[in-house]
Amino acid sequence: MMENINNFTSYYYCFLILKKSFRKIEDENESLNFLEIV
């Protein structure tokens, strides 16, 4: 059970970080460049 909770929190933090970077990219209007890199 403890491992599952750790997994969930790490995924959640990853999600938050991705969300933050996406917002930052949108502010800089570079979403297309970002998509090309990925």
Protein backbone atom coordinates (compact mmCIF):
# COMPACT_ATOMS: atom_id res chain seq x y z
CA MET A 1 0.00 0.00 0.00
CA MET A 2 2.75 2.42 0.88
CA GLU A 3 4.42 1.89 -2.48
CA ASN A 4 1.19 2.69 -4.29
CA ILE A 5 0.87 5.97 -2.42
CA ASN A 6 4.45 6.89 -3.27
CA ASN A 7 3.81 6.05 -6.90
CA PHE A 8 0.72 8.21 -6.97
CA THR A 9 2.44 11.20 -5.38
CA SER A 10 5.38 11.03 -7.76
CA TYR A 11 3.04 10.83 -10.74
CA TYR A 12 1.04 13.72 -9.34
CA TYR A 13 4.14 15.86 -8.92
CA CYS A 14 5.21 15.00 -12.46
CA PHE A 15 1.79 16.09 -13.66
CA LEU A 16 2.01 19.40 -11.80
CA ILE A 17 5.46 20.10 -13.24
CA LEU A 18 4.26 19.32 -16.75
CA LYS A 19 1.23 21.53 -16.27
CA LYS A 20 3.48 24.36 -15.10
CA SER A 21 5.82 24.05 -18.06
CA PHE A 22 2.90 23.91 -20.49
CA ARG A 23 1.50 27.10 -19.02
CA LYS A 24 4.91 28.73 -19.27
CA ILE A 25 5.23 27.66 -22.89
CA GLU A 26 1.80 29.02 -23.72
CA ASP A 27 2.77 32.34 -22.17
CA GLU A 28 5.85 32.43 -24.41
CA ASN A 29 3.82 31.28 -27.45
CA GLU A 30 6.28 28.47 -28.15
CA SER A 31 3.98 25.47 -27.88
CA LEU A 32 4.67 24.48 -31.49
CA ASN A 33 8.43 24.45 -30.94
CA PHE A 34 7.92 22.38 -27.82
CA LEU A 35 5.77 19.87 -29.69
CA GLU A 36 8.41 19.56 -32.41
CA ILE A 37 11.04 18.75 -29.79
CA VAL A 38 8.81 16.07 -28.28
